[in-house]
């Protein structure tokens, strides 16, 4: 088994941990606090690292649990991913500013719809579609079976598709 180093194996995960925490807490400051607390918990368990099969799954699991605990304590404050700030526009989509605006609007609508999903579905979808994790990795992080991961992702995608089409049909 590989010798795990905090600097080379754990610290590089901070961006992934932040995105996971942000997807759960829906608040940038809370997500930063969750990542910091996660790093401390991982460091404090360094004696157990040799027995860990995947340090990434270990860190992601701790991060998810810390974020869920924080969310329960905060009583679901009404925040959303819009608080994060907006990413730079995707210039590869088209040089036409109108088409770029339409694309940004679509992305924002999907983000808002993701915020409305139940936590398990939202987290599964984020880990799979945004982070690119495998079903096995997601199952390890969330402590559920791979089949449950697939079901949650399927339901999340179906819900977003249905609500997106409803908005397209009836307007905002």
N, C-alpha and C. Protein backbone atom coordinates (compact mmCIF):
# COMPACT_ATOMS: atom_id res chain seq x y z
N UNK A 1 0.84 -1.19 0.00
CA UNK A 1 0.00 0.00 0.00
C UNK A 1 0.87 1.24 0.00
N UNK A 2 0.44 2.25 -0.68
CA UNK A 2 1.19 3.50 -0.84
C UNK A 2 1.23 4.29 0.46
N UNK A 3 2.37 4.88 0.74
CA UNK A 3 2.52 5.76 1.91
C UNK A 3 1.82 7.08 1.59
N UNK A 4 0.92 7.52 2.45
CA UNK A 4 0.12 8.71 2.21
C UNK A 4 0.79 9.92 2.83
N UNK A 5 0.86 10.97 2.05
CA UNK A 5 1.43 12.24 2.51
C UNK A 5 0.34 13.30 2.51
N UNK A 6 0.26 14.06 3.59
CA UNK A 6 -0.76 15.10 3.67
C UNK A 6 -0.56 16.13 2.57
N UNK A 7 0.68 16.52 2.36
CA UNK A 7 0.98 17.56 1.38
C UNK A 7 0.67 17.13 -0.05
N UNK A 8 1.03 15.91 -0.41
CA UNK A 8 0.88 15.49 -1.81
C UNK A 8 -0.41 14.74 -2.09
N UNK A 9 -1.03 14.14 -1.06
CA UNK A 9 -2.23 13.33 -1.30
C UNK A 9 -3.52 13.98 -0.79
N UNK A 10 -3.44 14.73 0.30
CA UNK A 10 -4.65 15.29 0.89
C UNK A 10 -4.89 16.74 0.47
N UNK A 11 -3.89 17.59 0.58
CA UNK A 11 -4.06 19.00 0.24
C UNK A 11 -4.56 19.24 -1.19
N UNK A 12 -4.09 18.47 -2.18
CA UNK A 12 -4.61 18.70 -3.54
C UNK A 12 -6.11 18.42 -3.69
N UNK A 13 -6.72 17.78 -2.72
CA UNK A 13 -8.15 17.48 -2.78
C UNK A 13 -9.03 18.64 -2.33
N UNK A 14 -8.41 19.73 -1.88
CA UNK A 14 -9.19 20.80 -1.26
C UNK A 14 -10.23 21.41 -2.20
N UNK A 15 -9.93 21.52 -3.48
CA UNK A 15 -10.91 22.08 -4.43
C UNK A 15 -12.10 21.15 -4.61
N UNK A 16 -11.84 19.85 -4.72
CA UNK A 16 -12.93 18.88 -4.83
C UNK A 16 -13.78 18.89 -3.56
N UNK A 17 -13.11 18.95 -2.42
CA UNK A 17 -13.83 18.99 -1.15
C UNK A 17 -14.69 20.25 -1.06
N UNK A 18 -14.14 21.37 -1.53
CA UNK A 18 -14.90 22.62 -1.52
C UNK A 18 -16.15 22.50 -2.38
N UNK A 19 -16.01 21.95 -3.58
CA UNK A 19 -17.17 21.82 -4.46
C UNK A 19 -18.23 20.90 -3.85
N UNK A 20 -17.78 19.82 -3.22
CA UNK A 20 -18.72 18.91 -2.56
C UNK A 20 -19.43 19.64 -1.41
N UNK A 21 -18.66 20.33 -0.59
CA UNK A 21 -19.25 21.05 0.55
C UNK A 21 -20.19 22.14 0.06
N UNK A 22 -19.82 22.83 -1.00
CA UNK A 22 -20.66 23.89 -1.55
C UNK A 22 -21.98 23.31 -2.08
N UNK A 23 -21.91 22.16 -2.69
CA UNK A 23 -23.13 21.52 -3.19
C UNK A 23 -24.09 21.13 -2.08
N UNK A 24 -23.57 20.92 -0.88
CA UNK A 24 -24.42 20.54 0.25
C UNK A 24 -24.86 21.77 1.03
N UNK A 25 -23.93 22.65 1.35
CA UNK A 25 -24.26 23.80 2.19
C UNK A 25 -24.88 24.94 1.41
N UNK A 26 -24.56 25.04 0.12
CA UNK A 26 -25.05 26.10 -0.76
C UNK A 26 -24.60 27.48 -0.30
N UNK A 27 -23.48 27.54 0.40
CA UNK A 27 -22.95 28.81 0.91
C UNK A 27 -21.44 28.74 0.88
N UNK A 28 -20.82 29.73 0.24
CA UNK A 28 -19.37 29.72 0.05
C UNK A 28 -18.61 29.73 1.37
N UNK A 29 -19.00 30.60 2.29
CA UNK A 29 -18.29 30.69 3.57
C UNK A 29 -18.43 29.40 4.37
N UNK A 30 -19.63 28.83 4.39
CA UNK A 30 -19.83 27.57 5.09
C UNK A 30 -19.02 26.45 4.45
N UNK A 31 -18.96 26.44 3.13
CA UNK A 31 -18.19 25.41 2.42
C UNK A 31 -16.70 25.53 2.77
N UNK A 32 -16.19 26.75 2.85
CA UNK A 32 -14.79 26.94 3.23
C UNK A 32 -14.54 26.43 4.64
N UNK A 33 -15.47 26.71 5.55
CA UNK A 33 -15.34 26.21 6.92
C UNK A 33 -15.37 24.69 6.97
N UNK A 34 -16.24 24.10 6.15
CA UNK A 34 -16.34 22.64 6.10
C UNK A 34 -15.03 22.03 5.62
N UNK A 35 -14.43 22.62 4.60
CA UNK A 35 -13.16 22.10 4.07
C UNK A 35 -12.07 22.21 5.14
N UNK A 36 -12.03 23.32 5.83
CA UNK A 36 -11.02 23.49 6.88
C UNK A 36 -11.22 22.45 7.99
N UNK A 37 -12.46 22.26 8.41
CA UNK A 37 -12.74 21.26 9.44
C UNK A 37 -12.41 19.86 8.95
N UNK A 38 -12.70 19.59 7.68
CA UNK A 38 -12.38 18.29 7.10
C UNK A 38 -10.88 18.04 7.14
N UNK A 39 -10.10 19.02 6.72
CA UNK A 39 -8.64 18.87 6.72
C UNK A 39 -8.12 18.59 8.14
N UNK A 40 -8.69 19.27 9.11
CA UNK A 40 -8.27 19.02 10.50
C UNK A 40 -8.62 17.60 10.94
N UNK A 41 -9.81 17.15 10.60
CA UNK A 41 -10.22 15.80 10.98
C UNK A 41 -9.36 14.74 10.29
N UNK A 42 -9.05 14.97 9.02
CA UNK A 42 -8.19 14.03 8.29
C UNK A 42 -6.80 14.00 8.94
N UNK A 43 -6.27 15.17 9.25
CA UNK A 43 -4.95 15.24 9.88
C UNK A 43 -4.95 14.54 11.23
N UNK A 44 -6.00 14.74 12.01
CA UNK A 44 -6.07 14.12 13.34
C UNK A 44 -6.22 12.61 13.29
N UNK A 45 -6.59 12.08 12.14
CA UNK A 45 -6.71 10.63 11.97
C UNK A 45 -5.53 10.05 11.17
N UNK A 46 -4.42 10.74 11.14
CA UNK A 46 -3.28 10.31 10.32
C UNK A 46 -2.73 8.94 10.71
N UNK A 47 -2.97 8.50 11.94
CA UNK A 47 -2.51 7.17 12.34
C UNK A 47 -3.27 6.07 11.60
N UNK A 48 -4.46 6.38 11.12
CA UNK A 48 -5.31 5.40 10.43
C UNK A 48 -5.05 5.36 8.93
N UNK A 49 -4.25 6.25 8.41
CA UNK A 49 -4.06 6.37 6.96
C UNK A 49 -3.56 5.08 6.31
N UNK A 50 -2.73 4.33 7.02
CA UNK A 50 -2.18 3.10 6.42
C UNK A 50 -3.26 2.07 6.14
N UNK A 51 -4.34 2.11 6.88
CA UNK A 51 -5.43 1.13 6.70
C UNK A 51 -6.46 1.60 5.68
N UNK A 52 -6.31 2.80 5.17
CA UNK A 52 -7.29 3.37 4.25
C UNK A 52 -6.99 2.93 2.82
N UNK A 53 -8.02 2.44 2.15
CA UNK A 53 -7.86 2.00 0.76
C UNK A 53 -7.77 3.20 -0.18
N UNK A 54 -8.63 4.22 0.04
CA UNK A 54 -8.64 5.40 -0.82
C UNK A 54 -8.70 6.64 0.06
N UNK A 55 -7.62 7.41 0.09
CA UNK A 55 -7.60 8.63 0.89
C UNK A 55 -8.61 9.64 0.34
N UNK A 56 -8.83 9.61 -0.96
CA UNK A 56 -9.81 10.54 -1.56
C UNK A 56 -11.21 10.23 -1.06
N UNK A 57 -11.60 8.97 -1.08
CA UNK A 57 -12.93 8.60 -0.59
C UNK A 57 -13.05 8.90 0.91
N UNK A 58 -11.98 8.67 1.65
CA UNK A 58 -11.95 8.96 3.08
C UNK A 58 -12.20 10.44 3.33
N UNK A 59 -11.50 11.30 2.61
CA UNK A 59 -11.64 12.75 2.76
C UNK A 59 -13.03 13.22 2.33
N UNK A 60 -13.51 12.69 1.22
CA UNK A 60 -14.83 13.09 0.71
C UNK A 60 -15.93 12.67 1.69
N UNK A 61 -15.79 11.50 2.30
CA UNK A 61 -16.78 11.04 3.27
C UNK A 61 -16.81 11.95 4.49
N UNK A 62 -15.63 12.29 4.99
CA UNK A 62 -15.56 13.20 6.14
C UNK A 62 -16.16 14.55 5.76
N UNK A 63 -15.82 15.05 4.59
CA UNK A 63 -16.34 16.34 4.13
C UNK A 63 -17.86 16.31 4.04
N UNK A 64 -18.39 15.29 3.47
CA UNK A 64 -19.85 15.16 3.34
C UNK A 64 -20.51 15.15 4.70
N UNK A 65 -19.96 14.36 5.63
CA UNK A 65 -20.55 14.27 6.96
C UNK A 65 -20.47 15.61 7.70
N UNK A 66 -19.35 16.29 7.60
CA UNK A 66 -19.20 17.60 8.25
C UNK A 66 -20.19 18.59 7.65
N UNK A 67 -20.32 18.58 6.33
CA UNK A 67 -21.25 19.51 5.66
C UNK A 67 -22.70 19.22 6.06
N UNK A 68 -23.06 17.95 6.13
CA UNK A 68 -24.42 17.60 6.53
C UNK A 68 -24.69 18.00 7.98
N UNK A 69 -23.70 17.80 8.84
CA UNK A 69 -23.84 18.22 10.24
C UNK A 69 -24.04 19.73 10.33
N UNK A 70 -23.24 20.46 9.57
CA UNK A 70 -23.34 21.93 9.57
C UNK A 70 -24.70 22.36 9.05
N UNK A 71 -25.14 21.70 7.99
CA UNK A 71 -26.42 22.06 7.39
C UNK A 71 -27.55 21.84 8.40
N UNK A 72 -27.50 20.74 9.13
CA UNK A 72 -28.53 20.47 10.13
C UNK A 72 -28.50 21.53 11.22
N UNK A 73 -27.31 21.94 11.61
CA UNK A 73 -27.19 22.97 12.66
C UNK A 73 -27.71 24.31 12.18
N UNK A 74 -27.51 24.62 10.93
CA UNK A 74 -27.92 25.92 10.40
C UNK A 74 -29.39 25.96 9.99
N UNK A 75 -30.10 24.84 10.08
CA UNK A 75 -31.53 24.78 9.77
C UNK A 75 -31.84 25.25 8.36
N UNK A 76 -31.07 24.74 7.41
CA UNK A 76 -31.36 25.00 5.99
C UNK A 76 -31.55 26.48 5.67
N UNK A 77 -30.52 27.25 5.92
CA UNK A 77 -30.60 28.68 5.57
C UNK A 77 -30.91 28.81 4.08
N UNK A 78 -31.59 29.84 3.71
CA UNK A 78 -32.02 30.04 2.33
C UNK A 78 -30.90 30.66 1.51
N UNK A 79 -29.93 29.84 1.17
CA UNK A 79 -28.84 30.27 0.32
C UNK A 79 -28.87 29.41 -0.94
N UNK A 80 -28.11 29.81 -1.93
CA UNK A 80 -28.05 29.02 -3.15
C UNK A 80 -26.71 29.21 -3.81
N UNK A 81 -26.50 28.46 -4.85
CA UNK A 81 -25.22 28.53 -5.55
C UNK A 81 -24.98 29.89 -6.20
N UNK A 82 -26.02 30.72 -6.33
CA UNK A 82 -25.82 32.05 -6.90
C UNK A 82 -24.90 32.90 -6.03
N UNK A 83 -24.81 32.60 -4.73
CA UNK A 83 -23.96 33.37 -3.82
C UNK A 83 -22.48 33.20 -4.15
N UNK A 84 -22.15 32.17 -4.89
CA UNK A 84 -20.75 31.87 -5.17
C UNK A 84 -20.13 32.88 -6.10
N UNK A 85 -20.89 33.48 -6.94
CA UNK A 85 -20.34 34.36 -7.98
C UNK A 85 -20.45 33.65 -9.31
N UNK A 86 -20.28 34.36 -10.35
CA UNK A 86 -20.48 33.77 -11.66
C UNK A 86 -19.15 33.46 -12.31
N UNK A 87 -19.15 32.35 -13.02
CA UNK A 87 -17.95 31.94 -13.74
C UNK A 87 -17.80 32.80 -15.00
N UNK A 88 -16.60 32.80 -15.54
CA UNK A 88 -16.37 33.53 -16.78
C UNK A 88 -17.23 32.93 -17.88
N UNK A 89 -17.70 33.74 -18.79
CA UNK A 89 -18.54 33.21 -19.87
C UNK A 89 -17.76 32.23 -20.74
N UNK A 90 -18.49 31.29 -21.28
CA UNK A 90 -17.89 30.27 -22.15
C UNK A 90 -17.79 30.84 -23.56
N UNK A 91 -16.61 31.31 -23.92
CA UNK A 91 -16.42 31.91 -25.24
C UNK A 91 -16.33 30.87 -26.34
N UNK A 92 -16.13 29.60 -25.97
CA UNK A 92 -16.03 28.57 -26.99
C UNK A 92 -17.41 28.21 -27.55
N UNK A 93 -18.47 28.54 -26.83
CA UNK A 93 -19.81 28.18 -27.29
C UNK A 93 -20.16 28.92 -28.56
N UNK A 94 -19.95 30.21 -28.56
CA UNK A 94 -20.27 30.99 -29.74
C UNK A 94 -19.74 32.40 -29.56
N UNK A 95 -19.48 33.05 -30.66
CA UNK A 95 -19.02 34.44 -30.60
C UNK A 95 -20.22 35.38 -30.48
N UNK A 96 -21.42 34.86 -30.68
CA UNK A 96 -22.62 35.66 -30.62
C UNK A 96 -23.00 35.93 -29.16
N UNK A 97 -23.01 37.18 -28.71
CA UNK A 97 -23.33 37.49 -27.32
C UNK A 97 -24.72 37.02 -26.90
N UNK A 98 -25.67 37.04 -27.80
CA UNK A 98 -27.02 36.58 -27.47
C UNK A 98 -27.01 35.09 -27.14
N UNK A 99 -26.31 34.31 -27.95
CA UNK A 99 -26.24 32.87 -27.70
C UNK A 99 -25.50 32.58 -26.40
N UNK A 100 -24.48 33.37 -26.11
CA UNK A 100 -23.75 33.20 -24.85
C UNK A 100 -24.67 33.49 -23.66
N UNK A 101 -25.48 34.53 -23.77
CA UNK A 101 -26.41 34.87 -22.69
C UNK A 101 -27.44 33.76 -22.49
N UNK A 102 -27.93 33.19 -23.58
CA UNK A 102 -28.89 32.10 -23.50
C UNK A 102 -28.25 30.89 -22.82
N UNK A 103 -27.01 30.59 -23.18
CA UNK A 103 -26.30 29.45 -22.58
C UNK A 103 -26.08 29.67 -21.08
N UNK A 104 -25.67 30.89 -20.69
CA UNK A 104 -25.48 31.20 -19.26
C UNK A 104 -26.80 31.05 -18.51
N UNK A 105 -27.90 31.50 -19.13
CA UNK A 105 -29.21 31.38 -18.51
C UNK A 105 -29.57 29.91 -18.30
N UNK A 106 -29.31 29.07 -19.27
CA UNK A 106 -29.61 27.64 -19.14
C UNK A 106 -28.82 27.02 -18.00
N UNK A 107 -27.55 27.35 -17.92
CA UNK A 107 -26.70 26.81 -16.85
C UNK A 107 -27.22 27.26 -15.48
N UNK A 108 -27.60 28.52 -15.36
CA UNK A 108 -28.13 29.04 -14.10
C UNK A 108 -29.43 28.35 -13.72
N UNK A 109 -30.29 28.11 -14.71
CA UNK A 109 -31.55 27.43 -14.42
C UNK A 109 -31.32 26.01 -13.95
N UNK A 110 -30.38 25.31 -14.57
CA UNK A 110 -30.06 23.95 -14.12
C UNK A 110 -29.48 24.00 -12.71
N UNK A 111 -28.63 24.97 -12.43
CA UNK A 111 -28.08 25.12 -11.08
C UNK A 111 -29.18 25.34 -10.05
N UNK A 112 -30.11 26.21 -10.37
CA UNK A 112 -31.22 26.48 -9.44
C UNK A 112 -32.06 25.22 -9.24
N UNK A 113 -32.29 24.48 -10.32
CA UNK A 113 -33.05 23.24 -10.21
C UNK A 113 -32.30 22.21 -9.37
N UNK A 114 -30.98 22.16 -9.52
CA UNK A 114 -30.18 21.24 -8.70
C UNK A 114 -30.31 21.59 -7.22
N UNK A 115 -30.39 22.89 -6.92
CA UNK A 115 -30.52 23.32 -5.52
C UNK A 115 -31.81 22.81 -4.89
N UNK A 116 -32.82 22.55 -5.70
CA UNK A 116 -34.12 22.11 -5.19
C UNK A 116 -34.19 20.61 -4.96
N UNK A 117 -33.20 19.87 -5.46
CA UNK A 117 -33.20 18.42 -5.30
C UNK A 117 -32.96 18.02 -3.85
N UNK A 118 -33.44 16.84 -3.45
CA UNK A 118 -33.08 16.32 -2.13
C UNK A 118 -31.56 16.16 -2.03
N UNK A 119 -31.03 16.24 -0.83
CA UNK A 119 -29.58 16.25 -0.62
C UNK A 119 -28.88 15.05 -1.27
N UNK A 120 -29.41 13.84 -1.09
CA UNK A 120 -28.75 12.66 -1.65
C UNK A 120 -28.67 12.73 -3.17
N UNK A 121 -29.76 13.12 -3.81
CA UNK A 121 -29.78 13.22 -5.26
C UNK A 121 -28.82 14.30 -5.73
N UNK A 122 -28.86 15.45 -5.06
CA UNK A 122 -28.00 16.58 -5.44
C UNK A 122 -26.52 16.19 -5.30
N UNK A 123 -26.17 15.55 -4.20
CA UNK A 123 -24.78 15.17 -3.97
C UNK A 123 -24.33 14.11 -4.97
N UNK A 124 -25.15 13.10 -5.20
CA UNK A 124 -24.80 12.06 -6.19
C UNK A 124 -24.59 12.67 -7.56
N UNK A 125 -25.50 13.54 -7.96
CA UNK A 125 -25.41 14.16 -9.28
C UNK A 125 -24.18 15.05 -9.38
N UNK A 126 -23.90 15.80 -8.33
CA UNK A 126 -22.72 16.67 -8.35
C UNK A 126 -21.44 15.84 -8.44
N UNK A 127 -21.35 14.79 -7.64
CA UNK A 127 -20.13 13.97 -7.67
C UNK A 127 -19.95 13.28 -9.02
N UNK A 128 -21.04 12.86 -9.63
CA UNK A 128 -20.95 12.15 -10.91
C UNK A 128 -20.77 13.11 -12.08
N UNK A 129 -21.67 14.08 -12.20
CA UNK A 129 -21.70 14.92 -13.40
C UNK A 129 -20.75 16.11 -13.35
N UNK A 130 -20.45 16.60 -12.17
CA UNK A 130 -19.57 17.76 -12.07
C UNK A 130 -18.16 17.33 -11.71
N UNK A 131 -18.04 16.43 -10.73
CA UNK A 131 -16.71 15.98 -10.29
C UNK A 131 -16.18 14.81 -11.12
N UNK A 132 -17.05 14.10 -11.82
CA UNK A 132 -16.61 12.99 -12.66
C UNK A 132 -16.23 11.73 -11.90
N UNK A 133 -16.79 11.55 -10.72
CA UNK A 133 -16.48 10.37 -9.90
C UNK A 133 -17.20 9.14 -10.45
N UNK A 134 -16.62 7.98 -10.19
CA UNK A 134 -17.26 6.73 -10.59
C UNK A 134 -18.37 6.38 -9.60
N UNK A 135 -19.25 5.47 -10.01
CA UNK A 135 -20.33 5.04 -9.12
C UNK A 135 -19.75 4.43 -7.85
N UNK A 136 -18.69 3.68 -8.00
CA UNK A 136 -18.05 3.03 -6.85
C UNK A 136 -17.51 4.08 -5.87
N UNK A 137 -16.87 5.12 -6.39
CA UNK A 137 -16.34 6.18 -5.53
C UNK A 137 -17.47 6.92 -4.82
N UNK A 138 -18.54 7.20 -5.53
CA UNK A 138 -19.67 7.91 -4.93
C UNK A 138 -20.30 7.05 -3.84
N UNK A 139 -20.44 5.76 -4.12
CA UNK A 139 -21.01 4.85 -3.12
C UNK A 139 -20.16 4.84 -1.85
N UNK A 140 -18.85 4.85 -2.02
CA UNK A 140 -17.95 4.86 -0.85
C UNK A 140 -18.08 6.16 -0.07
N UNK A 141 -18.16 7.27 -0.78
CA UNK A 141 -18.27 8.58 -0.11
C UNK A 141 -19.59 8.69 0.65
N UNK A 142 -20.66 8.25 0.03
CA UNK A 142 -21.99 8.44 0.61
C UNK A 142 -22.45 7.28 1.47
N UNK A 143 -21.67 6.21 1.50
CA UNK A 143 -21.98 5.02 2.29
C UNK A 143 -23.33 4.43 1.89
N UNK A 144 -23.51 4.29 0.56
CA UNK A 144 -24.68 3.63 0.00
C UNK A 144 -24.19 2.67 -1.09
N UNK A 145 -25.08 1.86 -1.62
CA UNK A 145 -24.67 0.92 -2.66
C UNK A 145 -24.56 1.63 -4.01
N UNK A 146 -23.83 1.00 -4.93
CA UNK A 146 -23.71 1.57 -6.27
C UNK A 146 -25.07 1.66 -6.95
N UNK A 147 -25.93 0.68 -6.69
CA UNK A 147 -27.28 0.71 -7.27
C UNK A 147 -28.05 1.92 -6.76
N UNK A 148 -27.92 2.22 -5.48
CA UNK A 148 -28.60 3.39 -4.92
C UNK A 148 -28.06 4.68 -5.53
N UNK A 149 -26.75 4.70 -5.81
CA UNK A 149 -26.15 5.87 -6.47
C UNK A 149 -26.78 6.06 -7.84
N UNK A 150 -26.88 4.98 -8.60
CA UNK A 150 -27.45 5.05 -9.94
C UNK A 150 -28.91 5.52 -9.90
N UNK A 151 -29.67 5.01 -8.93
CA UNK A 151 -31.07 5.39 -8.80
C UNK A 151 -31.18 6.87 -8.46
N UNK A 152 -30.36 7.34 -7.52
CA UNK A 152 -30.39 8.75 -7.13
C UNK A 152 -30.04 9.66 -8.30
N UNK A 153 -29.02 9.28 -9.07
CA UNK A 153 -28.62 10.09 -10.23
C UNK A 153 -29.71 10.09 -11.29
N UNK A 154 -30.30 8.93 -11.55
CA UNK A 154 -31.38 8.83 -12.53
C UNK A 154 -32.55 9.72 -12.13
N UNK A 155 -32.94 9.63 -10.87
CA UNK A 155 -34.08 10.43 -10.39
C UNK A 155 -33.77 11.92 -10.44
N UNK A 156 -32.54 12.28 -10.07
CA UNK A 156 -32.15 13.69 -10.11
C UNK A 156 -32.21 14.22 -11.53
N UNK A 157 -31.65 13.47 -12.47
CA UNK A 157 -31.66 13.91 -13.86
C UNK A 157 -33.08 14.01 -14.40
N UNK A 158 -33.91 13.03 -14.06
CA UNK A 158 -35.30 13.05 -14.53
C UNK A 158 -36.04 14.26 -13.97
N UNK A 159 -35.83 14.55 -12.70
CA UNK A 159 -36.50 15.69 -12.07
C UNK A 159 -36.07 16.99 -12.72
N UNK A 160 -34.76 17.15 -12.92
CA UNK A 160 -34.26 18.37 -13.54
C UNK A 160 -34.77 18.51 -14.96
N UNK A 161 -34.76 17.41 -15.71
CA UNK A 161 -35.26 17.45 -17.08
C UNK A 161 -36.73 17.84 -17.12
N UNK A 162 -37.52 17.23 -16.26
CA UNK A 162 -38.96 17.52 -16.23
C UNK A 162 -39.21 18.97 -15.86
N UNK A 163 -38.57 19.46 -14.81
CA UNK A 163 -38.79 20.84 -14.38
C UNK A 163 -38.25 21.84 -15.40
N UNK A 164 -37.13 21.50 -16.03
CA UNK A 164 -36.57 22.38 -17.06
C UNK A 164 -37.54 22.50 -18.23
N UNK A 165 -38.09 21.37 -18.66
CA UNK A 165 -39.03 21.39 -19.78
C UNK A 165 -40.31 22.14 -19.40
N UNK A 166 -40.75 21.99 -18.14
CA UNK A 166 -41.93 22.75 -17.69
C UNK A 166 -41.67 24.24 -17.77
N UNK A 167 -40.47 24.67 -17.37
CA UNK A 167 -40.12 26.08 -17.44
C UNK A 167 -40.05 26.55 -18.89
N UNK A 168 -39.49 25.72 -19.74
CA UNK A 168 -39.40 26.06 -21.16
C UNK A 168 -40.80 26.24 -21.76
N UNK A 169 -41.70 25.35 -21.35
CA UNK A 169 -43.04 25.37 -21.91
C UNK A 169 -43.88 26.51 -21.38
N UNK A 170 -43.79 26.78 -20.08
CA UNK A 170 -44.67 27.77 -19.45
C UNK A 170 -43.97 29.06 -19.08
N UNK A 171 -42.68 29.13 -19.26
CA UNK A 171 -41.95 30.34 -18.89
C UNK A 171 -41.57 30.32 -17.44
N UNK A 172 -40.87 31.32 -17.01
CA UNK A 172 -40.41 31.39 -15.62
C UNK A 172 -41.47 31.93 -14.79
